[in-house]
């Protein structure tokens, strides 16, 4: 398992990367299980949307919501694909 800044990747207290997720346009809560409230949450866009809720080339709007010791919430324009990084 690789180490980043002293924390192991995808383990308690380390950096978590979600699976590739298709946005719904509504708040989506992803479980990260870091066992601590993360200092940072970032969504990386892997595919845009078409303005009608399907995949396309337009860059989505990203809004961050609440985070806890086990979950992070993000709202991304429907149809876009993203990976959530929590650390």
Protein backbone atom coordinates (compact mmCIF):
# COMPACT_ATOMS: atom_id res chain seq x y z
CA UNK A 1 0.00 0.00 0.00
CA UNK A 2 1.54 3.37 -0.99
CA UNK A 3 1.98 6.16 1.57
CA UNK A 4 1.12 9.82 1.02
CA UNK A 5 2.25 12.45 3.55
CA UNK A 6 2.70 9.77 6.21
CA UNK A 7 -0.84 8.39 5.88
CA UNK A 8 -1.51 5.17 4.05
CA UNK A 9 -3.73 5.37 0.99
CA UNK A 10 -7.34 4.18 1.50
CA UNK A 11 -6.98 3.17 5.16
CA UNK A 12 -8.03 4.74 8.46
CA UNK A 13 -6.80 8.31 8.60
CA UNK A 14 -5.39 8.26 5.05
CA UNK A 15 -6.57 9.48 1.68
CA UNK A 16 -9.79 8.01 0.26
CA UNK A 17 -10.76 7.92 -3.43
CA UNK A 18 -14.31 6.91 -4.32
CA UNK A 19 -15.25 4.80 -7.29
CA UNK A 20 -16.19 6.66 -10.47
CA UNK A 21 -19.66 8.01 -9.71
CA UNK A 22 -22.36 9.34 -12.04
CA UNK A 23 -23.91 12.50 -10.62
CA UNK A 24 -27.64 12.75 -10.07
CA UNK A 25 -27.88 16.52 -9.64
CA UNK A 26 -29.06 15.98 -6.05
CA UNK A 27 -26.85 15.72 -2.93
CA UNK A 28 -24.99 12.40 -2.92
CA UNK A 29 -23.46 11.08 0.28
CA UNK A 30 -20.44 8.82 -0.12
CA UNK A 31 -19.04 6.76 2.73
CA UNK A 32 -15.30 7.26 3.25
CA UNK A 33 -14.72 5.55 6.64
CA UNK A 34 -11.60 7.62 7.49
CA UNK A 35 -12.64 7.49 11.15
CA UNK A 36 -11.99 11.23 11.44
CA UNK A 37 -13.60 14.29 9.91
CA UNK A 38 -11.54 15.11 6.81
CA UNK A 39 -9.80 18.44 6.46
CA UNK A 40 -10.35 18.40 2.68
CA UNK A 41 -12.92 17.07 0.21
CA UNK A 42 -12.50 17.47 -3.55
CA UNK A 43 -14.47 16.16 -6.51
CA UNK A 44 -12.45 15.45 -9.66
CA UNK A 45 -14.52 15.52 -12.84
CA UNK A 46 -13.92 12.59 -15.18
CA UNK A 47 -16.73 13.41 -17.63
CA UNK A 48 -19.08 16.32 -18.20
CA UNK A 49 -22.80 16.61 -18.79
CA UNK A 50 -24.94 17.61 -21.78
CA UNK A 51 -27.27 20.04 -20.00
CA UNK A 52 -30.10 17.50 -20.01
CA UNK A 53 -28.83 15.16 -17.28
CA UNK A 54 -26.78 12.84 -19.49
CA UNK A 55 -23.06 12.54 -20.19
CA UNK A 56 -21.52 15.21 -22.39
CA UNK A 57 -18.81 17.84 -22.58
CA UNK A 58 -20.09 20.68 -20.37
CA UNK A 59 -18.23 21.21 -17.09
CA UNK A 60 -20.54 20.54 -14.11
CA UNK A 61 -21.30 22.69 -11.11
CA UNK A 62 -19.95 21.17 -7.88
CA UNK A 63 -21.30 22.06 -4.44
CA UNK A 64 -19.83 20.57 -1.28
CA UNK A 65 -22.03 19.64 1.65
CA UNK A 66 -21.53 18.25 5.12
CA UNK A 67 -18.69 15.94 6.09
CA UNK A 68 -18.39 13.62 9.05
CA UNK A 69 -16.06 10.93 10.34
CA UNK A 70 -17.64 8.45 7.91
CA UNK A 71 -19.35 10.37 5.08
CA UNK A 72 -19.00 13.32 2.71
CA UNK A 73 -21.78 14.94 0.70
CA UNK A 74 -21.39 16.56 -2.71
CA UNK A 75 -23.83 17.80 -5.35
CA UNK A 76 -22.67 17.62 -8.97
CA UNK A 77 -24.67 18.48 -12.12
CA UNK A 78 -26.65 15.42 -13.29
CA UNK A 79 -24.95 13.22 -15.86
CA UNK A 80 -21.39 14.23 -15.01
CA UNK A 81 -18.95 11.60 -13.76
CA UNK A 82 -16.65 12.28 -10.83
CA UNK A 83 -14.32 10.77 -8.25
CA UNK A 84 -14.43 12.11 -4.70
CA UNK A 85 -11.13 12.49 -2.83
CA UNK A 86 -11.21 12.88 0.95
CA UNK A 87 -8.18 13.51 3.16
